[in-house]
Structures are given as structure tokens and as C-alpha cells.
Amino acid sequence: MKITKVKVWLVEGVKYNWTMLKVYTDEGHTGVGEATNWPGSPIIEAAARHVGERVVGLDPMQTDFIWTKLYRDLNWIGPFGASMCAISGLDMALLDLKGKVLGVPCYELLGGKFRDRIRLYANYWFTGGGHNESDYAAQALKVKETGFKGLKFDPFAHTNYLYGEDLSGNLELTLEEQDRAFDVTRAVRDAIGPEMDMMIETHAMLNTQTALTMAKRLLPLGVTWYEEPVGPENVNTLKAMRDRLPPEIPICVGERHYTRHGFRPVLENHLCDVIMPDITRCGGPSEMKRIATMAEAYGTPIAPHNPNGPLSTLASAHVCASIPNFFRCEFMFNDVPWRDEVITHPLDVRDGFLHLSDRPGLGVDLVEEELETHSGINALDERENFYV
């Protein structure tokens, strides 16, 4: 069996463009994947098309060989960013194809399942109303009433936006802005009660002193994790933050770490409490499984980052099903109405869990007509939709 072509679509999501792809073979077998990243999704789209051209003629069943070949071939332009997103999407599609050929779900190809109900936490639940206590509390209560046991939000970025700040650099907050972020967070905690997970996102946009100050202020509210208090560029900076934060504040990083090589120094130096690889960036389901196995050796749980499309959600869930150190998986609580229309079977989300089927591969195919209906959008709109 040989790969004959790879098709790529740029599709409008609730905040970001999804990059979807489909692998075709000379024996009629197909597989679907997602390479979403943002901002700059046209770059990802072009990279996915190029990677698709490079694998024409190869045996799609040789998933690890193809991953390694592409990683080594494209390492000359850097082992991160657009090229790795394209590899991630292709790896997802090839694993889906292999599962469909063999008649088994992807989690069987990853070692079999520990579970088929994947606990989710909600993100992007705060889209209605304004950035104030009452609106956030009301929306957080809806998340709880839907059955979710956890939610995440960034109380800082929108606070700065209200005051007209430039969000392009590390930021300090005035005392008034700090109070607003604290008050909104306290309102959310009061609304959901003490039993729900509450993850606090910073997007690595706060300067060191501000990140430390706010972490200490939020500690009494019960923070499940404090996400990306520093950027991914330097593990020594993360170590300095870990050393200065109270030990009771868990740190979560990883949405901008690529491959096992990017996670290795973080794990070796015990710099965080939870890692959150993104399956459309870190190398796809094959590499996420390898990262999870590495994290298990250091006693670190995994909670995949996933503000992406439905294939990313399914592929992340299949990895989560196959690992012992799974913690939570991110889920976009509010999404475009066509999320379930671009795939042949809707996501089965009930009571805060994604329920996996035993259908082969990822369990779905792409509906090409729907993809094309929602394509061709202006990717520059992503500039105003950076924070999730």
C-alpha cells in the first residue's frame, strides 16, 4: 500500500483556524488528522501541504519510520513550529488510517486502554458578557451544571485589555488591575464551589514579579495549577520561578514544548507538577505517547492542551485512554455549531467526560463538503483571538 495524496483544509474554528488533512492510498484506505496551530495558520497549512507531498509513495503503515524520516529531513529548518505541526497532523492521520486498516481504535495501537471515559476540563466558557465578577460567576455556574468538574481561564489578559494595554510583552499589573483579576477569580471559585478544579492561565505574559505576586494572592482560592508563569524558552527561568513560588502552587507547562526533547529538561529537573503537550504541536499521538511515558518515569501527570478542532480532541483522548498518568484533557466548552458537522460522528461529551467509541482509528471521517463550506477565512483575524 502506498500514499497517493494528502489533502489539506483551513477551516474556521471558534477562535482559531483548524488545519485538517486527509491521507489517501492506492488501496482506497484513508486517514484523517489535524495540524492546528495559531496565530499564523496559513503557515501551518502550507507546511502540511509540503509534508503531504514528501510522503507520497511511502507505505502509510510505517508510522514510526515516516515520523522519524520527516523529523530528520525537516530538522534543517528547525525541529519546532510549523514543520512539527505538519508532522503532528500527518502522524495523527496515519495512525487513524492504520487503525481503520486493522479494524481497531487508535488506543489499541498505543498499547490498549486504561479507560474509555476521558475526564475533561472546560476552557472558553467565558465568552458571554463582560470581564466582571457577575458575568464570570454566572457562566462558571453553567459549566458546573453541565457536569464538568473543572475549568480554566486567564484573569489577567482581559484585565489588561480593558485598560488598553499592549499585550505583546511581559506585563505588570497596577494594584487596581490585580484587584480586578483577584475579584473575578474569587467570584468564579464562589460560583463553582471548593470541589471543582480551577486552573489559572497566565500565557507567560506577566513579568516575574507580577506572576509571583498574583500566584500568592490566588493561593487561598484553591488553584489546581498555575499555567505557564514563564515562557518555554529557558528551563533555568522556569526553575527560578519554581524556587520562588510557594510549594503549594502546582505549575503546569508544555503547550509550547515540542517533542520529547523539549520536555526532557523540564522533567529531569522536576520543574513542574503537570505537563500539557498539545497533540497538534508536540509531534502527534505517537510522540505524545512517548512524552507521557517519559513523564511517568518522573511521576508527572499529563493533561493535554487542546483548544483545537474535533480531531485534536479525539486524538488526545485516545492517548489519554492509553496511559496510566492521565490527569485531565482540555475541551472548548463553547464552539462553532459546525464542529460536529465536519466529522461523521459527533463528539460524545456527557457529564464532563468524552466517551470514546470502539470504532476503528479515531472513530470518524471528515465530511469534505462541510470543510469546504467553512474554509477560506481571513486568518489575520486570529490576531484578536490569541488568549485561551
Protein backbone atom coordinates (compact mmCIF):
# COMPACT_ATOMS: atom_id res chain seq x y z
CA MET A 1 0.00 0.00 0.00
CA LYS A 2 1.28 3.48 -0.93
CA ILE A 3 0.24 7.03 -0.10
CA THR A 4 -1.09 8.72 -3.22
CA LYS A 5 -2.00 12.20 -1.94
CA VAL A 6 -2.69 14.31 1.13
CA LYS A 7 -5.43 16.95 1.08
CA VAL A 8 -5.37 19.93 3.46
CA TRP A 9 -8.14 22.31 4.52
CA LEU A 10 -8.05 25.51 6.54
CA VAL A 11 -11.34 25.61 8.45
CA GLU A 12 -12.87 28.25 10.70
CA GLY A 13 -12.98 27.30 14.37
CA VAL A 14 -14.49 29.17 17.28
CA LYS A 15 -11.33 31.23 17.85
CA TYR A 16 -8.68 29.83 15.54
CA ASN A 17 -8.45 28.28 12.11
CA TRP A 18 -8.28 24.49 12.18
CA THR A 19 -5.83 22.82 9.78
CA MET A 20 -7.38 19.49 8.74
CA LEU A 21 -5.81 16.89 6.48
CA LYS A 22 -6.65 13.55 4.89
CA VAL A 23 -4.30 10.86 3.60
CA TYR A 24 -5.33 8.76 0.58
CA THR A 25 -3.80 5.48 -0.60
CA ASP A 26 -3.75 3.35 -3.73
CA GLU A 27 -5.83 0.68 -1.96
CA GLY A 28 -8.65 3.03 -1.03
CA HIS A 29 -7.78 3.36 2.66
CA THR A 30 -7.78 6.86 4.14
CA GLY A 31 -6.89 8.54 7.40
CA VAL A 32 -7.67 11.95 8.89
CA GLY A 33 -5.64 14.27 11.09
CA GLU A 34 -5.33 17.80 12.40
CA ALA A 35 -2.30 20.11 12.44
CA THR A 36 -3.91 23.18 14.00
CA ASN A 37 -1.70 25.95 15.38
CA TRP A 38 -2.12 29.73 15.60
CA PRO A 39 -1.61 32.58 15.04
CA GLY A 40 -0.23 32.18 11.56
CA SER A 41 -2.38 29.26 10.46
CA PRO A 42 -1.60 29.85 6.73
CA ILE A 43 1.99 28.90 7.57
CA ILE A 44 0.77 25.65 9.11
CA GLU A 45 -1.46 24.99 6.11
CA ALA A 46 1.49 25.42 3.73
CA ALA A 47 3.71 23.20 5.89
CA ALA A 48 1.05 20.47 5.97
CA ARG A 49 0.77 20.56 2.16
CA HIS A 50 4.54 20.30 1.81
CA VAL A 51 4.81 17.42 4.27
CA GLY A 52 1.98 15.69 2.42
CA GLU A 53 3.90 15.92 -0.82
CA ARG A 54 7.03 14.44 0.83
CA VAL A 55 5.26 11.23 1.88
CA VAL A 56 3.61 10.36 -1.44
CA GLY A 57 4.76 6.87 -2.42
CA LEU A 58 5.57 5.76 1.14
CA ASP A 59 3.89 2.88 2.98
CA PRO A 60 1.39 4.51 5.40
CA MET A 61 1.62 1.59 7.82
CA GLN A 62 5.23 2.52 8.66
CA THR A 63 4.14 5.25 11.03
CA ASP A 64 7.27 5.47 13.18
CA PHE A 65 9.56 5.33 10.15
CA ILE A 66 7.67 8.17 8.47
CA TRP A 67 7.70 10.25 11.68
CA THR A 68 11.45 9.81 12.08
CA LYS A 69 12.19 10.44 8.41
CA LEU A 70 10.20 13.67 8.40
CA TYR A 71 11.72 14.81 11.68
CA ARG A 72 15.24 14.28 10.38
CA ASP A 73 14.55 15.67 6.90
CA LEU A 74 12.94 18.86 8.23
CA ASN A 75 15.26 19.33 11.19
CA TRP A 76 17.35 21.62 9.00
CA ILE A 77 14.64 24.28 9.23
CA GLY A 78 14.17 23.65 12.95
CA PRO A 79 12.58 20.83 14.95
CA PHE A 80 9.75 23.03 16.19
CA GLY A 81 6.97 25.24 14.90
CA ALA A 82 5.21 24.78 11.59
CA SER A 83 7.12 21.72 10.43
CA MET A 84 6.38 19.83 13.66
CA CYS A 85 2.70 20.81 13.48
CA ALA A 86 2.56 19.34 9.99
CA ILE A 87 4.29 16.16 11.20
CA SER A 88 1.83 16.02 14.10
CA GLY A 89 -1.18 16.19 11.82
CA LEU A 90 0.22 13.60 9.44
CA ASP A 91 1.10 11.24 12.30
CA MET A 92 -2.49 11.53 13.54
CA ALA A 93 -3.84 10.74 10.08
CA LEU A 94 -1.51 7.76 9.61
CA LEU A 95 -2.46 6.30 12.99
CA ASP A 96 -6.12 6.76 12.09
CA LEU A 97 -5.53 5.04 8.75
CA LYS A 98 -3.67 2.14 10.36
CA GLY A 99 -6.44 1.65 12.90
CA LYS A 100 -9.02 1.56 10.13
CA VAL A 101 -6.98 -0.93 8.11
CA LEU A 102 -6.57 -3.21 11.15
CA GLY A 103 -10.10 -2.63 12.40
CA VAL A 104 -9.08 -1.33 15.86
CA PRO A 105 -9.34 2.03 17.69
CA CYS A 106 -6.21 4.15 17.87
CA TYR A 107 -5.83 3.49 21.59
CA GLU A 108 -5.23 -0.19 20.77
CA LEU A 109 -2.27 0.86 18.61
CA LEU A 110 -0.94 2.86 21.57
CA GLY A 111 -0.92 -0.08 23.97
CA GLY A 112 -4.57 -0.61 24.80
CA LYS A 113 -6.90 1.32 27.06
CA PHE A 114 -6.81 2.09 30.76
CA ARG A 115 -10.13 3.89 30.34
CA ASP A 116 -12.61 4.90 27.66
CA ARG A 117 -14.11 7.87 29.55
CA ILE A 118 -11.78 10.85 29.40
CA ARG A 119 -12.30 13.48 32.10
CA LEU A 120 -12.40 16.97 30.59
CA TYR A 121 -11.96 20.46 31.93
CA ALA A 122 -13.69 23.39 30.27
CA ASN A 123 -12.00 26.32 28.57
CA TYR A 124 -13.54 29.13 26.53
CA TRP A 125 -16.67 29.05 28.68
CA PHE A 126 -16.48 32.80 29.43
CA THR A 127 -17.47 34.21 26.03
CA GLY A 128 -20.67 35.97 27.08
CA GLY A 129 -20.96 39.26 28.90
CA GLY A 130 -18.03 41.28 30.17
CA HIS A 131 -14.91 40.67 32.22
CA ASN A 132 -16.59 41.20 35.56
CA GLU A 133 -17.47 39.19 38.62
CA SER A 134 -21.15 38.60 37.97
CA ASP A 135 -20.79 37.57 34.30
CA TYR A 136 -17.91 35.22 35.02
CA ALA A 137 -19.69 33.69 38.01
CA ALA A 138 -22.88 33.06 36.03
CA GLN A 139 -21.00 31.40 33.18
CA ALA A 140 -18.87 29.32 35.53
CA LEU A 141 -22.04 28.05 37.20
CA LYS A 142 -23.29 26.87 33.79
CA VAL A 143 -20.10 24.84 33.37
CA LYS A 144 -20.73 23.17 36.71
CA GLU A 145 -24.38 22.50 35.91
CA THR A 146 -23.32 20.77 32.67
CA GLY A 147 -21.39 18.22 34.72
CA PHE A 148 -17.81 19.41 34.28
CA LYS A 149 -15.57 19.05 37.31
CA GLY A 150 -13.02 21.65 36.26
CA LEU A 151 -12.48 24.85 34.29
CA LYS A 152 -9.67 27.16 33.22
CA PHE A 153 -9.35 30.85 32.43
CA ASP A 154 -6.88 33.72 32.27
CA PRO A 155 -7.99 36.51 34.61
CA PHE A 156 -5.06 38.74 33.62
CA ALA A 157 -5.01 39.17 29.83
CA HIS A 158 -8.52 40.55 29.61
CA THR A 159 -7.92 42.79 32.59
CA ASN A 160 -5.06 44.45 30.73
CA TYR A 161 -7.12 44.61 27.55
CA LEU A 162 -9.78 46.61 29.37
CA TYR A 163 -7.17 49.18 30.24
CA GLY A 164 -5.80 49.42 26.71
CA GLU A 165 -2.50 47.74 27.47
CA ASP A 166 -0.29 46.33 24.73
CA LEU A 167 -0.28 42.56 25.30
CA SER A 168 2.81 41.90 23.18
CA GLY A 169 5.30 41.84 26.07
CA ASN A 170 5.63 40.78 29.70
CA LEU A 171 3.24 42.85 31.74
CA GLU A 172 2.92 44.33 35.15
CA LEU A 173 -0.47 44.96 36.69
CA THR A 174 -1.47 48.02 38.65
CA LEU A 175 -2.98 47.38 42.06
CA GLU A 176 -6.41 48.09 40.56
CA GLU A 177 -5.80 45.52 37.82
CA GLN A 178 -4.55 42.99 40.34
CA ASP A 179 -7.68 43.51 42.42
CA ARG A 180 -9.91 43.06 39.36
CA ALA A 181 -8.20 39.79 38.42
CA PHE A 182 -8.44 38.54 42.00
CA ASP A 183 -12.09 39.54 42.35
CA VAL A 184 -13.08 37.77 39.13
CA THR A 185 -11.21 34.65 40.19
CA ARG A 186 -12.80 34.70 43.63
CA ALA A 187 -16.25 35.07 42.05
CA VAL A 188 -15.60 32.00 39.89
CA ARG A 189 -14.46 29.97 42.90
CA ASP A 190 -17.52 31.04 44.90
CA ALA A 191 -19.77 30.03 41.99
CA ILE A 192 -18.31 26.57 41.39
CA GLY A 193 -17.58 25.67 45.00
CA PRO A 194 -14.44 24.14 46.51
CA GLU A 195 -14.80 20.73 44.88
CA MET A 196 -14.17 21.77 41.26
CA ASP A 197 -10.75 22.13 39.64
CA MET A 198 -9.85 25.74 38.83
CA MET A 199 -6.85 26.18 36.55
CA ILE A 200 -5.33 29.65 36.21
CA GLU A 201 -3.69 30.57 32.91
CA THR A 202 -1.13 33.34 32.52
CA HIS A 203 0.01 32.75 28.90
CA ALA A 204 3.52 33.65 30.15
CA MET A 205 2.53 37.29 29.68
CA LEU A 206 3.15 38.55 33.22
CA ASN A 207 6.56 39.74 34.30
CA THR A 208 8.26 37.71 37.01
CA GLN A 209 7.32 39.85 39.99
CA THR A 210 3.69 40.18 38.89
CA ALA A 211 3.38 36.45 38.25
CA LEU A 212 4.74 35.73 41.73
CA THR A 213 2.53 38.33 43.41
CA MET A 214 -0.65 37.06 41.77
CA ALA A 215 0.16 33.41 42.42
CA LYS A 216 0.49 34.15 46.13
CA ARG A 217 -2.73 36.19 46.14
CA LEU A 218 -4.68 33.44 44.40
CA LEU A 219 -3.32 30.60 46.53
CA PRO A 220 -6.11 30.76 49.17
CA LEU A 221 -8.74 30.34 46.43
CA GLY A 222 -7.58 26.82 45.61
CA VAL A 223 -5.66 26.71 42.33
CA THR A 224 -5.37 23.32 40.64
CA TRP A 225 -2.44 24.62 38.63
CA TYR A 226 -0.76 27.89 37.68
CA GLU A 227 -0.12 27.67 33.96
CA GLU A 228 2.92 29.00 32.11
CA PRO A 229 4.15 31.50 34.69
CA VAL A 230 7.17 31.89 32.38
CA GLY A 231 7.75 31.19 28.70
CA PRO A 232 9.10 27.95 27.24
CA GLU A 233 12.45 29.26 26.09
CA ASN A 234 14.64 28.68 29.15
CA VAL A 235 14.36 25.95 31.79
CA ASN A 236 16.52 27.99 34.15
CA THR A 237 13.90 30.72 34.17
CA LEU A 238 11.25 28.14 34.99
CA LYS A 239 13.46 26.81 37.79
CA ALA A 240 13.84 30.29 39.22
CA MET A 241 10.06 30.67 39.22
CA ARG A 242 9.57 27.24 40.81
CA ASP A 243 12.07 28.09 43.55
CA ARG A 244 10.31 31.37 44.39
CA LEU A 245 6.71 30.17 44.24
CA PRO A 246 5.13 28.62 47.33
CA PRO A 247 5.36 24.82 47.00
CA GLU A 248 1.58 24.59 47.42
CA ILE A 249 1.09 26.16 43.96
CA PRO A 250 1.30 23.49 41.23
CA ILE A 251 2.88 24.58 37.94
CA CYS A 252 1.71 23.34 34.56
CA VAL A 253 3.69 23.91 31.34
CA GLY A 254 4.06 22.34 27.94
CA GLU A 255 1.67 23.75 25.37
CA ARG A 256 4.65 25.32 23.57
CA HIS A 257 7.11 22.49 24.11
CA TYR A 258 7.82 20.35 21.07
CA THR A 259 8.66 16.63 21.10
CA ARG A 260 10.13 14.55 23.93
CA HIS A 261 13.37 16.51 23.53
CA GLY A 262 11.65 19.72 24.60
CA PHE A 263 10.08 18.09 27.65
CA ARG A 264 13.17 16.21 28.81
CA PRO A 265 14.94 19.03 30.72
CA VAL A 266 11.66 20.11 32.34
CA LEU A 267 11.05 16.59 33.63
CA GLU A 268 14.66 15.83 34.56
CA ASN A 269 14.82 18.93 36.72
CA HIS A 270 11.34 18.42 38.27
CA LEU A 271 10.29 21.94 37.28
CA CYS A 272 6.54 21.41 37.06
CA ASP A 273 3.76 19.35 38.57
CA VAL A 274 1.75 18.68 35.40
CA ILE A 275 2.74 18.73 31.73
CA MET A 276 0.35 19.72 28.96
CA PRO A 277 1.64 18.77 25.49
CA ASP A 278 -0.54 19.83 22.57
CA ILE A 279 -1.08 16.94 20.17
CA THR A 280 -1.07 19.19 17.09
CA ARG A 281 2.30 20.69 18.08
CA CYS A 282 4.28 18.15 20.08
CA GLY A 283 4.54 15.50 17.33
CA GLY A 284 1.12 13.88 17.12
CA PRO A 285 -0.32 10.95 19.07
CA SER A 286 2.77 8.77 18.60
CA GLU A 287 5.04 11.40 20.15
CA MET A 288 2.54 12.38 22.85
CA LYS A 289 2.51 8.74 23.96
CA ARG A 290 6.32 8.80 24.15
CA ILE A 291 6.21 12.06 26.14
CA ALA A 292 3.65 10.57 28.53
CA THR A 293 5.82 7.50 29.08
CA MET A 294 8.81 9.74 29.82
CA ALA A 295 6.70 11.79 32.24
CA GLU A 296 5.56 8.61 34.00
CA ALA A 297 9.19 7.87 34.86
CA TYR A 298 9.27 11.17 36.79
CA GLY A 299 5.87 10.71 38.44
CA THR A 300 4.39 13.58 36.43
CA PRO A 301 0.76 13.52 35.23
CA ILE A 302 -0.27 14.64 31.76
CA ALA A 303 -3.15 16.96 30.89
CA PRO A 304 -3.17 17.63 27.12
CA HIS A 305 -3.57 21.20 25.90
CA ASN A 306 -6.42 21.21 23.39
CA PRO A 307 -8.15 24.45 22.30
CA ASN A 308 -8.33 22.98 18.78
CA GLY A 309 -10.71 21.15 16.48
CA PRO A 310 -12.59 17.85 16.90
CA LEU A 311 -9.84 15.58 15.53
CA SER A 312 -7.35 17.02 18.01
CA THR A 313 -9.87 16.32 20.77
CA LEU A 314 -10.36 12.72 19.68
CA ALA A 315 -6.67 12.01 19.14
CA SER A 316 -5.78 13.50 22.53
CA ALA A 317 -8.47 11.34 24.12
CA HIS A 318 -7.08 8.18 22.51
CA VAL A 319 -3.66 8.93 24.01
CA CYS A 320 -5.26 9.72 27.37
CA ALA A 321 -7.06 6.38 27.22
CA SER A 322 -3.76 4.54 26.79
CA ILE A 323 -1.61 6.00 29.59
CA PRO A 324 -1.57 5.44 33.36
CA ASN A 325 -0.57 9.01 34.27
CA PHE A 326 -3.50 10.85 32.68
CA PHE A 327 -4.96 13.75 34.68
CA ARG A 328 -7.36 15.92 32.63
CA CYS A 329 -7.90 16.94 29.00
CA GLU A 330 -8.82 20.43 27.84
CA PHE A 331 -12.10 20.98 26.00
CA MET A 332 -13.59 24.04 24.30
CA PHE A 333 -16.88 24.49 26.16
CA ASN A 334 -18.24 26.95 23.56
CA ASP A 335 -17.51 26.09 19.95
CA VAL A 336 -18.70 26.68 16.39
CA PRO A 337 -22.02 24.99 15.53
CA TRP A 338 -20.36 23.03 12.73
CA ARG A 339 -17.80 21.34 14.99
CA ASP A 340 -19.71 18.06 14.84
CA GLU A 341 -20.81 18.61 11.24
CA VAL A 342 -17.30 18.39 9.78
CA ILE A 343 -16.92 14.85 11.19
CA THR A 344 -19.10 11.81 10.53
CA HIS A 345 -19.88 11.11 14.20
CA PRO A 346 -20.37 13.86 16.83
CA LEU A 347 -18.13 14.06 19.87
CA ASP A 348 -19.78 12.10 22.66
CA VAL A 349 -19.40 14.52 25.57
CA ARG A 350 -21.54 13.80 28.62
CA ASP A 351 -21.24 14.91 32.25
CA GLY A 352 -17.78 16.34 31.76
CA PHE A 353 -16.36 13.26 30.04
CA LEU A 354 -15.55 12.42 26.44
CA HIS A 355 -16.76 8.87 25.83
CA LEU A 356 -14.65 7.03 23.26
CA SER A 357 -16.21 4.55 20.87
CA ASP A 358 -14.63 1.30 19.71
CA ARG A 359 -14.88 2.32 16.06
CA PRO A 360 -11.60 1.86 14.13
CA GLY A 361 -8.98 4.59 14.11
CA LEU A 362 -10.15 7.87 15.59
CA GLY A 363 -13.69 6.66 15.01
CA VAL A 364 -14.64 9.36 12.50
CA ASP A 365 -14.03 10.58 8.98
CA LEU A 366 -14.03 14.15 7.70
CA VAL A 367 -17.03 15.50 5.78
CA GLU A 368 -15.24 17.25 2.95
CA GLU A 369 -18.23 19.27 1.78
CA GLU A 370 -18.61 20.81 5.24
CA LEU A 371 -14.90 21.56 5.47
CA GLU A 372 -15.09 23.49 2.22
CA THR A 373 -18.22 25.32 3.35
CA HIS A 374 -16.32 26.80 6.30
CA SER A 375 -12.95 27.40 4.63
CA GLY A 376 -11.35 30.44 3.06
CA ILE A 377 -11.49 32.69 6.11
CA ASN A 378 -9.20 35.61 6.82
CA ALA A 379 -6.52 34.18 9.08
CA LEU A 380 -5.41 37.66 10.16
CA ASP A 381 -8.49 37.73 12.39
CA GLU A 382 -6.53 35.43 14.70
CA ARG A 383 -4.55 38.43 15.93
CA GLU A 384 -7.50 39.49 18.08
CA ASN A 385 -8.18 35.97 19.37
CA PHE A 386 -4.90 34.98 20.95
CA TYR A 387 -5.84 34.25 24.53
CA VAL A 388 -7.43 30.94 25.57
